[in-house]
Each structure stands twice: as structure tokens, then as C-alpha cells.
Amino acid sequence: MENVLTLDARLLESALASLVDGLAIFDTDARVVYWNPRLENFFGLAPPQMLGTQATDAMNRLAARTTAPETTQGQLLEACAQPAS
């Protein structure tokens, strides 16, 4: 059973890492627990820099790296406030 779980975890990691879009996953305490390579490519922020970061700090760091930080920050906050549909 452990081998199956290890294989499943590796397959999931591979799938998430190969996404064309950037993906961050947060835990129930709103800390970054996963940061895929695409986000690093887009924003120049490596996973070690972001893992454990609070969601609001992560959004501030992302927004600061855009051409319109205030607009981007507002969009990120709005997107996070939306319930999943």
C-alpha cells in the first residue's frame, strides 16, 4: 500500500509541476504549502522563498512584481474571496 501512495504522490507532483499555469496551494492556516515551477518562471520567486508564507504576504510579493501592483493585489484578493464554483 505504501508503494501505491508513494507512486500516487509522485504522479500528483509531476502533474502539478507540469501545469502551464502557475499554481499555489495553501493549507487551512493560509500558508503556502505548494508553489509550482511555473509561478517561479512567471514571478522569479522560488518555492523555498514562498513555502510557509502567509497568503496575504504571498499576494503582496506577487503584486509587487507586476506593472500594476495595486490592481493586481485587488484582483488576487477578490479571486481568493470568491467561493469555488
PDB file of N, CA and C in Angstrom:
ATOM      1  N   MET A   1       0.817  -1.190   0.000  1.00  0.00           N
ATOM      2  CA  MET A   1       0.000   0.000   0.000  1.00  0.00           C
ATOM      3  C   MET A   1       0.868   1.265   0.000  1.00  0.00           C
ATOM      4  N   GLU A   2       1.954   1.249   0.778  1.00  0.00           N
ATOM      5  CA  GLU A   2       2.828   2.409   0.855  1.00  0.00           C
ATOM      6  C   GLU A   2       3.423   2.738  -0.515  1.00  0.00           C
ATOM      7  N   ASN A   3       3.783   1.710  -1.281  1.00  0.00           N
ATOM      8  CA  ASN A   3       4.335   1.939  -2.616  1.00  0.00           C
ATOM      9  C   ASN A   3       3.321   2.614  -3.527  1.00  0.00           C
ATOM     10  N   VAL A   4       2.050   2.228  -3.407  1.00  0.00           N
ATOM     11  CA  VAL A   4       0.991   2.836  -4.217  1.00  0.00           C
ATOM     12  C   VAL A   4       0.835   4.304  -3.848  1.00  0.00           C
ATOM     13  N   LEU A   5       0.852   4.613  -2.543  1.00  0.00           N
ATOM     14  CA  LEU A   5       0.734   6.004  -2.105  1.00  0.00           C
ATOM     15  C   LEU A   5       1.920   6.830  -2.568  1.00  0.00           C
ATOM     16  N   THR A   6       3.110   6.260  -2.507  1.00  0.00           N
ATOM     17  CA  THR A   6       4.301   6.964  -2.973  1.00  0.00           C
ATOM     18  C   THR A   6       4.204   7.236  -4.466  1.00  0.00           C
ATOM     19  N   LEU A   7       3.749   6.259  -5.223  1.00  0.00           N
ATOM     20  CA  LEU A   7       3.578   6.429  -6.666  1.00  0.00           C
ATOM     21  C   LEU A   7       2.525   7.484  -6.937  1.00  0.00           C
ATOM     22  N   ASP A   8       1.390   7.439  -6.219  1.00  0.00           N
ATOM     23  CA  ASP A   8       0.345   8.442  -6.398  1.00  0.00           C
ATOM     24  C   ASP A   8       0.865   9.842  -6.094  1.00  0.00           C
ATOM     25  N   ALA A   9       1.639   9.987  -5.038  1.00  0.00           N
ATOM     26  CA  ALA A   9       2.193  11.287  -4.677  1.00  0.00           C
ATOM     27  C   ALA A   9       3.150  11.782  -5.755  1.00  0.00           C
ATOM     28  N   ARG A  10       3.960  10.898  -6.295  1.00  0.00           N
ATOM     29  CA  ARG A  10       4.893  11.299  -7.363  1.00  0.00           C
ATOM     30  C   ARG A  10       4.149  11.688  -8.631  1.00  0.00           C
ATOM     31  N   LEU A  11       3.083  10.949  -8.956  1.00  0.00           N
ATOM     32  CA  LEU A  11       2.286  11.294 -10.138  1.00  0.00           C
ATOM     33  C   LEU A  11       1.610  12.649  -9.962  1.00  0.00           C
ATOM     34  N   LEU A  12       1.068  12.898  -8.781  1.00  0.00           N
ATOM     35  CA  LEU A  12       0.434  14.177  -8.500  1.00  0.00           C
ATOM     36  C   LEU A  12       1.459  15.305  -8.584  1.00  0.00           C
ATOM     37  N   GLU A  13       2.607  15.132  -7.978  1.00  0.00           N
ATOM     38  CA  GLU A  13       3.664  16.141  -8.025  1.00  0.00           C
ATOM     39  C   GLU A  13       4.074  16.423  -9.469  1.00  0.00           C
ATOM     40  N   SER A  14       4.214  15.388 -10.262  1.00  0.00           N
ATOM     41  CA  SER A  14       4.585  15.551 -11.662  1.00  0.00           C
ATOM     42  C   SER A  14       3.513  16.312 -12.433  1.00  0.00           C
ATOM     43  N   ALA A  15       2.257  15.969 -12.185  1.00  0.00           N
ATOM     44  CA  ALA A  15       1.153  16.652 -12.874  1.00  0.00           C
ATOM     45  C   ALA A  15       1.101  18.129 -12.495  1.00  0.00           C
ATOM     46  N   LEU A  16       1.232  18.426 -11.221  1.00  0.00           N
ATOM     47  CA  LEU A  16       1.187  19.821 -10.771  1.00  0.00           C
ATOM     48  C   LEU A  16       2.374  20.614 -11.292  1.00  0.00           C
ATOM     49  N   ALA A  17       3.533  20.015 -11.311  1.00  0.00           N
ATOM     50  CA  ALA A  17       4.745  20.695 -11.768  1.00  0.00           C
ATOM     51  C   ALA A  17       4.715  20.976 -13.262  1.00  0.00           C
ATOM     52  N   SER A  18       3.964  20.172 -14.018  1.00  0.00           N
ATOM     53  CA  SER A  18       3.955  20.342 -15.471  1.00  0.00           C
ATOM     54  C   SER A  18       2.808  21.218 -15.973  1.00  0.00           C
ATOM     55  N   LEU A  19       2.019  21.795 -15.071  1.00  0.00           N
ATOM     56  CA  LEU A  19       0.938  22.683 -15.491  1.00  0.00           C
ATOM     57  C   LEU A  19       1.483  23.885 -16.250  1.00  0.00           C
ATOM     58  N   VAL A  20       0.733  24.338 -17.234  1.00  0.00           N
ATOM     59  CA  VAL A  20       1.101  25.539 -17.977  1.00  0.00           C
ATOM     60  C   VAL A  20       0.850  26.777 -17.119  1.00  0.00           C
ATOM     61  N   ASP A  21      -0.145  26.702 -16.259  1.00  0.00           N
ATOM     62  CA  ASP A  21      -0.485  27.819 -15.374  1.00  0.00           C
ATOM     63  C   ASP A  21       0.293  27.728 -14.067  1.00  0.00           C
ATOM     64  N   GLY A  22       0.462  28.870 -13.439  1.00  0.00           N
ATOM     65  CA  GLY A  22       1.055  28.889 -12.114  1.00  0.00           C
ATOM     66  C   GLY A  22       0.046  28.392 -11.087  1.00  0.00           C
ATOM     67  N   LEU A  23       0.522  27.679 -10.086  1.00  0.00           N
ATOM     68  CA  LEU A  23      -0.364  27.134  -9.061  1.00  0.00           C
ATOM     69  C   LEU A  23       0.293  27.223  -7.696  1.00  0.00           C
ATOM     70  N   ALA A  24      -0.433  27.808  -6.766  1.00  0.00           N
ATOM     71  CA  ALA A  24      -0.029  27.805  -5.364  1.00  0.00           C
ATOM     72  C   ALA A  24      -1.138  27.106  -4.594  1.00  0.00           C
ATOM     73  N   ILE A  25      -0.755  26.292  -3.628  1.00  0.00           N
ATOM     74  CA  ILE A  25      -1.726  25.612  -2.775  1.00  0.00           C
ATOM     75  C   ILE A  25      -1.460  26.080  -1.351  1.00  0.00           C
ATOM     76  N   PHE A  26      -2.542  26.398  -0.647  1.00  0.00           N
ATOM     77  CA  PHE A  26      -2.462  26.906   0.715  1.00  0.00           C
ATOM     78  C   PHE A  26      -3.093  25.916   1.677  1.00  0.00           C
ATOM     79  N   ASP A  27      -2.573  25.848   2.897  1.00  0.00           N
ATOM     80  CA  ASP A  27      -3.162  24.976   3.912  1.00  0.00           C
ATOM     81  C   ASP A  27      -4.300  25.714   4.623  1.00  0.00           C
ATOM     82  N   THR A  28      -4.870  25.086   5.620  1.00  0.00           N
ATOM     83  CA  THR A  28      -6.011  25.680   6.329  1.00  0.00           C
ATOM     84  C   THR A  28      -5.624  26.907   7.149  1.00  0.00           C
ATOM     85  N   ASP A  29      -4.340  27.122   7.369  1.00  0.00           N
ATOM     86  CA  ASP A  29      -3.868  28.319   8.061  1.00  0.00           C
ATOM     87  C   ASP A  29      -3.423  29.405   7.079  1.00  0.00           C
ATOM     88  N   ALA A  30      -3.777  29.226   5.804  1.00  0.00           N
ATOM     89  CA  ALA A  30      -3.464  30.183   4.730  1.00  0.00           C
ATOM     90  C   ALA A  30      -1.967  30.356   4.507  1.00  0.00           C
ATOM     91  N   ARG A  31      -1.208  29.277   4.669  1.00  0.00           N
ATOM     92  CA  ARG A  31       0.226  29.291   4.365  1.00  0.00           C
ATOM     93  C   ARG A  31       0.465  28.529   3.063  1.00  0.00           C
ATOM     94  N   VAL A  32       1.433  28.979   2.290  1.00  0.00           N
ATOM     95  CA  VAL A  32       1.792  28.301   1.039  1.00  0.00           C
ATOM     96  C   VAL A  32       2.414  26.944   1.376  1.00  0.00           C
ATOM     97  N   VAL A  33       1.821  25.881   0.821  1.00  0.00           N
ATOM     98  CA  VAL A  33       2.379  24.540   1.015  1.00  0.00           C
ATOM     99  C   VAL A  33       2.862  23.948  -0.311  1.00  0.00           C
ATOM    100  N   TYR A  34       2.506  24.582  -1.415  1.00  0.00           N
ATOM    101  CA  TYR A  34       2.990  24.142  -2.725  1.00  0.00           C
ATOM    102  C   TYR A  34       3.077  25.351  -3.641  1.00  0.00           C
ATOM    103  N   TRP A  35       4.165  25.410  -4.406  1.00  0.00           N
ATOM    104  CA  TRP A  35       4.428  26.516  -5.342  1.00  0.00           C
ATOM    105  C   TRP A  35       5.033  25.883  -6.576  1.00  0.00           C
ATOM    106  N   ASN A  36       4.286  25.847  -7.683  1.00  0.00           N
ATOM    107  CA  ASN A  36       4.809  25.101  -8.824  1.00  0.00           C
ATOM    108  C   ASN A  36       5.856  25.894  -9.615  1.00  0.00           C
ATOM    109  N   PRO A  37       6.642  25.197 -10.425  1.00  0.00           N
ATOM    110  CA  PRO A  37       7.729  25.852 -11.172  1.00  0.00           C
ATOM    111  C   PRO A  37       7.252  26.976 -12.084  1.00  0.00           C
ATOM    112  N   ARG A  38       6.027  26.890 -12.580  1.00  0.00           N
ATOM    113  CA  ARG A  38       5.513  27.925 -13.474  1.00  0.00           C
ATOM    114  C   ARG A  38       5.416  29.275 -12.749  1.00  0.00           C
ATOM    115  N   LEU A  39       5.003  29.257 -11.480  1.00  0.00           N
ATOM    116  CA  LEU A  39       4.967  30.509 -10.717  1.00  0.00           C
ATOM    117  C   LEU A  39       6.371  31.086 -10.573  1.00  0.00           C
ATOM    118  N   GLU A  40       7.332  30.220 -10.367  1.00  0.00           N
ATOM    119  CA  GLU A  40       8.720  30.693 -10.292  1.00  0.00           C
ATOM    120  C   GLU A  40       9.120  31.340 -11.613  1.00  0.00           C
ATOM    121  N   ASN A  41       8.759  30.707 -12.729  1.00  0.00           N
ATOM    122  CA  ASN A  41       9.078  31.264 -14.048  1.00  0.00           C
ATOM    123  C   ASN A  41       8.407  32.617 -14.260  1.00  0.00           C
ATOM    124  N   PHE A  42       7.138  32.734 -13.857  1.00  0.00           N
ATOM    125  CA  PHE A  42       6.387  33.975 -14.054  1.00  0.00           C
ATOM    126  C   PHE A  42       6.909  35.119 -13.189  1.00  0.00           C
ATOM    127  N   PHE A  43       7.180  34.830 -11.917  1.00  0.00           N
ATOM    128  CA  PHE A  43       7.444  35.893 -10.962  1.00  0.00           C
ATOM    129  C   PHE A  43       8.854  35.916 -10.383  1.00  0.00           C
ATOM    130  N   GLY A  44       9.655  34.890 -10.676  1.00  0.00           N
ATOM    131  CA  GLY A  44      11.006  34.865 -10.159  1.00  0.00           C
ATOM    132  C   GLY A  44      11.088  34.579  -8.665  1.00  0.00           C
ATOM    133  N   LEU A  45      10.046  33.977  -8.133  1.00  0.00           N
ATOM    134  CA  LEU A  45      10.021  33.618  -6.712  1.00  0.00           C
ATOM    135  C   LEU A  45      10.071  32.100  -6.604  1.00  0.00           C
ATOM    136  N   ALA A  46      11.170  31.584  -6.082  1.00  0.00           N
ATOM    137  CA  ALA A  46      11.372  30.138  -5.996  1.00  0.00           C
ATOM    138  C   ALA A  46      10.565  29.544  -4.842  1.00  0.00           C
ATOM    139  N   PRO A  47      10.206  28.261  -4.953  1.00  0.00           N
ATOM    140  CA  PRO A  47       9.453  27.611  -3.870  1.00  0.00           C
ATOM    141  C   PRO A  47      10.058  27.810  -2.478  1.00  0.00           C
ATOM    142  N   PRO A  48      11.382  27.676  -2.290  1.00  0.00           N
ATOM    143  CA  PRO A  48      11.915  27.882  -0.934  1.00  0.00           C
ATOM    144  C   PRO A  48      11.637  29.281  -0.373  1.00  0.00           C
ATOM    145  N   GLN A  49      11.510  30.275  -1.264  1.00  0.00           N
ATOM    146  CA  GLN A  49      11.202  31.633  -0.823  1.00  0.00           C
ATOM    147  C   GLN A  49       9.746  31.763  -0.381  1.00  0.00           C
ATOM    148  N   MET A  50       8.878  30.902  -0.914  1.00  0.00           N
ATOM    149  CA  MET A  50       7.451  31.077  -0.715  1.00  0.00           C
ATOM    150  C   MET A  50       6.810  30.070   0.236  1.00  0.00           C
ATOM    151  N   LEU A  51       7.373  28.894   0.354  1.00  0.00           N
ATOM    152  CA  LEU A  51       6.769  27.877   1.216  1.00  0.00           C
ATOM    153  C   LEU A  51       6.690  28.374   2.652  1.00  0.00           C
ATOM    154  N   GLY A  52       5.524  28.230   3.249  1.00  0.00           N
ATOM    155  CA  GLY A  52       5.299  28.683   4.613  1.00  0.00           C
ATOM    156  C   GLY A  52       4.847  30.129   4.708  1.00  0.00           C
ATOM    157  N   THR A  53       4.876  30.854   3.593  1.00  0.00           N
ATOM    158  CA  THR A  53       4.469  32.255   3.569  1.00  0.00           C
ATOM    159  C   THR A  53       2.955  32.366   3.727  1.00  0.00           C
ATOM    160  N   GLN A  54       2.515  33.339   4.491  1.00  0.00           N
ATOM    161  CA  GLN A  54       1.079  33.593   4.638  1.00  0.00           C
ATOM    162  C   GLN A  54       0.517  34.055   3.291  1.00  0.00           C
ATOM    163  N   ALA A  55      -0.747  33.750   3.030  1.00  0.00           N
ATOM    164  CA  ALA A  55      -1.392  34.078   1.759  1.00  0.00           C
ATOM    165  C   ALA A  55      -1.309  35.565   1.433  1.00  0.00           C
ATOM    166  N   THR A  56      -1.565  36.419   2.412  1.00  0.00           N
ATOM    167  CA  THR A  56      -1.531  37.857   2.131  1.00  0.00           C
ATOM    168  C   THR A  56      -0.120  38.325   1.760  1.00  0.00           C
ATOM    169  N   ASP A  57       0.894  37.774   2.417  1.00  0.00           N
ATOM    170  CA  ASP A  57       2.274  38.117   2.079  1.00  0.00           C
ATOM    171  C   ASP A  57       2.617  37.606   0.682  1.00  0.00           C
ATOM    172  N   ALA A  58       2.173  36.401   0.359  1.00  0.00           N
ATOM    173  CA  ALA A  58       2.417  35.844  -0.976  1.00  0.00           C
ATOM    174  C   ALA A  58       1.784  36.728  -2.048  1.00  0.00           C
ATOM    175  N   MET A  59       0.546  37.157  -1.819  1.00  0.00           N
ATOM    176  CA  MET A  59      -0.137  38.024  -2.791  1.00  0.00           C
ATOM    177  C   MET A  59       0.575  39.361  -2.920  1.00  0.00           C
ATOM    178  N   ASN A  60       1.051  39.905  -1.810  1.00  0.00           N
ATOM    179  CA  ASN A  60       1.790  41.172  -1.860  1.00  0.00           C
ATOM    180  C   ASN A  60       3.081  41.017  -2.657  1.00  0.00           C
ATOM    181  N   ARG A  61       3.783  39.916  -2.464  1.00  0.00           N
ATOM    182  CA  ARG A  61       5.028  39.676  -3.205  1.00  0.00           C
ATOM    183  C   ARG A  61       4.755  39.538  -4.702  1.00  0.00           C
ATOM    184  N   LEU A  62       3.681  38.819  -5.044  1.00  0.00           N
ATOM    185  CA  LEU A  62       3.328  38.667  -6.462  1.00  0.00           C
ATOM    186  C   LEU A  62       2.966  40.016  -7.071  1.00  0.00           C
ATOM    187  N   ALA A  63       2.108  40.751  -6.389  1.00  0.00           N
ATOM    188  CA  ALA A  63       1.658  42.041  -6.909  1.00  0.00           C
ATOM    189  C   ALA A  63       2.824  42.999  -7.107  1.00  0.00           C
ATOM    190  N   ALA A  64       3.780  42.976  -6.198  1.00  0.00           N
ATOM    191  CA  ALA A  64       4.927  43.884  -6.286  1.00  0.00           C
ATOM    192  C   ALA A  64       5.763  43.643  -7.531  1.00  0.00           C
ATOM    193  N   ARG A  65       5.633  42.483  -8.127  1.00  0.00           N
ATOM    194  CA  ARG A  65       6.438  42.139  -9.307  1.00  0.00           C
ATOM    195  C   ARG A  65       5.692  42.384 -10.610  1.00  0.00           C
ATOM    196  N   THR A  66       4.554  43.044 -10.559  1.00  0.00           N
ATOM    197  CA  THR A  66       3.777  43.330 -11.761  1.00  0.00           C
ATOM    198  C   THR A  66       3.881  44.814 -12.109  1.00  0.00           C
ATOM    199  N   THR A  67       3.367  45.166 -13.288  1.00  0.00           N
ATOM    200  CA  THR A  67       3.413  46.563 -13.714  1.00  0.00           C
ATOM    201  C   THR A  67       2.332  47.402 -13.042  1.00  0.00           C
ATOM    202  N   ALA A  68       1.289  46.761 -12.509  1.00  0.00           N
ATOM    203  CA  ALA A  68       0.210  47.474 -11.822  1.00  0.00           C
ATOM    204  C   ALA A  68      -0.060  46.788 -10.477  1.00  0.00           C
ATOM    205  N   PRO A  69       0.845  46.972  -9.512  1.00  0.00           N
ATOM    206  CA  PRO A  69       0.733  46.247  -8.246  1.00  0.00           C
ATOM    207  C   PRO A  69      -0.603  46.404  -7.525  1.00  0.00           C
ATOM    208  N   GLU A  70      -1.143  47.623  -7.469  1.00  0.00           N
ATOM    209  CA  GLU A  70      -2.394  47.823  -6.728  1.00  0.00           C
ATOM    210  C   GLU A  70      -3.551  47.096  -7.395  1.00  0.00           C
ATOM    211  N   THR A  71      -3.614  47.151  -8.727  1.00  0.00           N
ATOM    212  CA  THR A  71      -4.675  46.451  -9.456  1.00  0.00           C
ATOM    213  C   THR A  71      -4.529  44.954  -9.279  1.00  0.00           C
ATOM    214  N   THR A  72      -3.324  44.454  -9.414  1.00  0.00           N
ATOM    215  CA  THR A  72      -3.071  43.017  -9.268  1.00  0.00           C
ATOM    216  C   THR A  72      -3.420  42.543  -7.867  1.00  0.00           C
ATOM    217  N   GLN A  73      -3.023  43.298  -6.861  1.00  0.00           N
ATOM    218  CA  GLN A  73      -3.316  42.915  -5.480  1.00  0.00           C
ATOM    219  C   GLN A  73      -4.829  42.849  -5.261  1.00  0.00           C
ATOM    220  N   GLY A  74      -5.565  43.825  -5.770  1.00  0.00           N
ATOM    221  CA  GLY A  74      -7.023  43.813  -5.652  1.00  0.00           C
ATOM    222  C   GLY A  74      -7.641  42.618  -6.343  1.00  0.00           C
ATOM    223  N   GLN A  75      -7.137  42.279  -7.521  1.00  0.00           N
ATOM    224  CA  GLN A  75      -7.651  41.123  -8.259  1.00  0.00           C
ATOM    225  C   GLN A  75      -7.365  39.823  -7.519  1.00  0.00           C
ATOM    226  N   LEU A  76      -6.173  39.700  -6.951  1.00  0.00           N
ATOM    227  CA  LEU A  76      -5.831  38.492  -6.203  1.00  0.00           C
ATOM    228  C   LEU A  76      -6.717  38.345  -4.968  1.00  0.00           C
ATOM    229  N   LEU A  77      -6.904  39.429  -4.240  1.00  0.00           N
ATOM    230  CA  LEU A  77      -7.757  39.381  -3.050  1.00  0.00           C
ATOM    231  C   LEU A  77      -9.196  39.032  -3.413  1.00  0.00           C
ATOM    232  N   GLU A  78      -9.674  39.609  -4.499  1.00  0.00           N
ATOM    233  CA  GLU A  78     -11.043  39.326  -4.953  1.00  0.00           C
ATOM    234  C   GLU A  78     -11.183  37.866  -5.363  1.00  0.00           C
ATOM    235  N   ALA A  79     -10.206  37.360  -6.074  1.00  0.00           N
ATOM    236  CA  ALA A  79     -10.260  35.966  -6.526  1.00  0.00           C
ATOM    237  C   ALA A  79     -10.244  35.007  -5.335  1.00  0.00           C
ATOM    238  N   CYS A  80      -9.494  35.330  -4.316  1.00  0.00           N
ATOM    239  CA  CYS A  80      -9.422  34.465  -3.132  1.00  0.00           C
ATOM    240  C   CYS A  80     -10.694  34.526  -2.307  1.00  0.00           C
ATOM    241  N   ALA A  81     -11.417  35.629  -2.397  1.00  0.00           N
ATOM    242  CA  ALA A  81     -12.651  35.774  -1.634  1.00  0.00           C
ATOM    243  C   ALA A  81     -13.820  35.065  -2.295  1.00  0.00           C
ATOM    244  N   GLN A  82     -13.683  34.729  -3.583  1.00  0.00           N
ATOM    245  CA  GLN A  82     -14.762  34.084  -4.317  1.00  0.00           C
ATOM    246  C   GLN A  82     -14.868  32.622  -3.914  1.00  0.00           C
ATOM    247  N   PRO A  83     -16.093  32.147  -3.632  1.00  0.00           N
ATOM    248  CA  PRO A  83     -16.235  30.712  -3.393  1.00  0.00           C
ATOM    249  C   PRO A  83     -15.998  29.937  -4.685  1.00  0.00           C
ATOM    250  N   ALA A  84     -15.447  28.765  -4.567  1.00  0.00           N
ATOM    251  CA  ALA A  84     -15.201  27.926  -5.748  1.00  0.00           C
ATOM    252  C   ALA A  84     -16.531  27.586  -6.384  1.00  0.00           C
ATOM    253  N   SER A  85     -16.572  27.658  -7.713  1.00  0.00           N
ATOM    254  CA  SER A  85     -17.818  27.311  -8.409  1.00  0.00           C
ATOM    255  C   SER A  85     -17.645  26.075  -9.246  1.00  0.00           C
TER     256      SER A  85
END
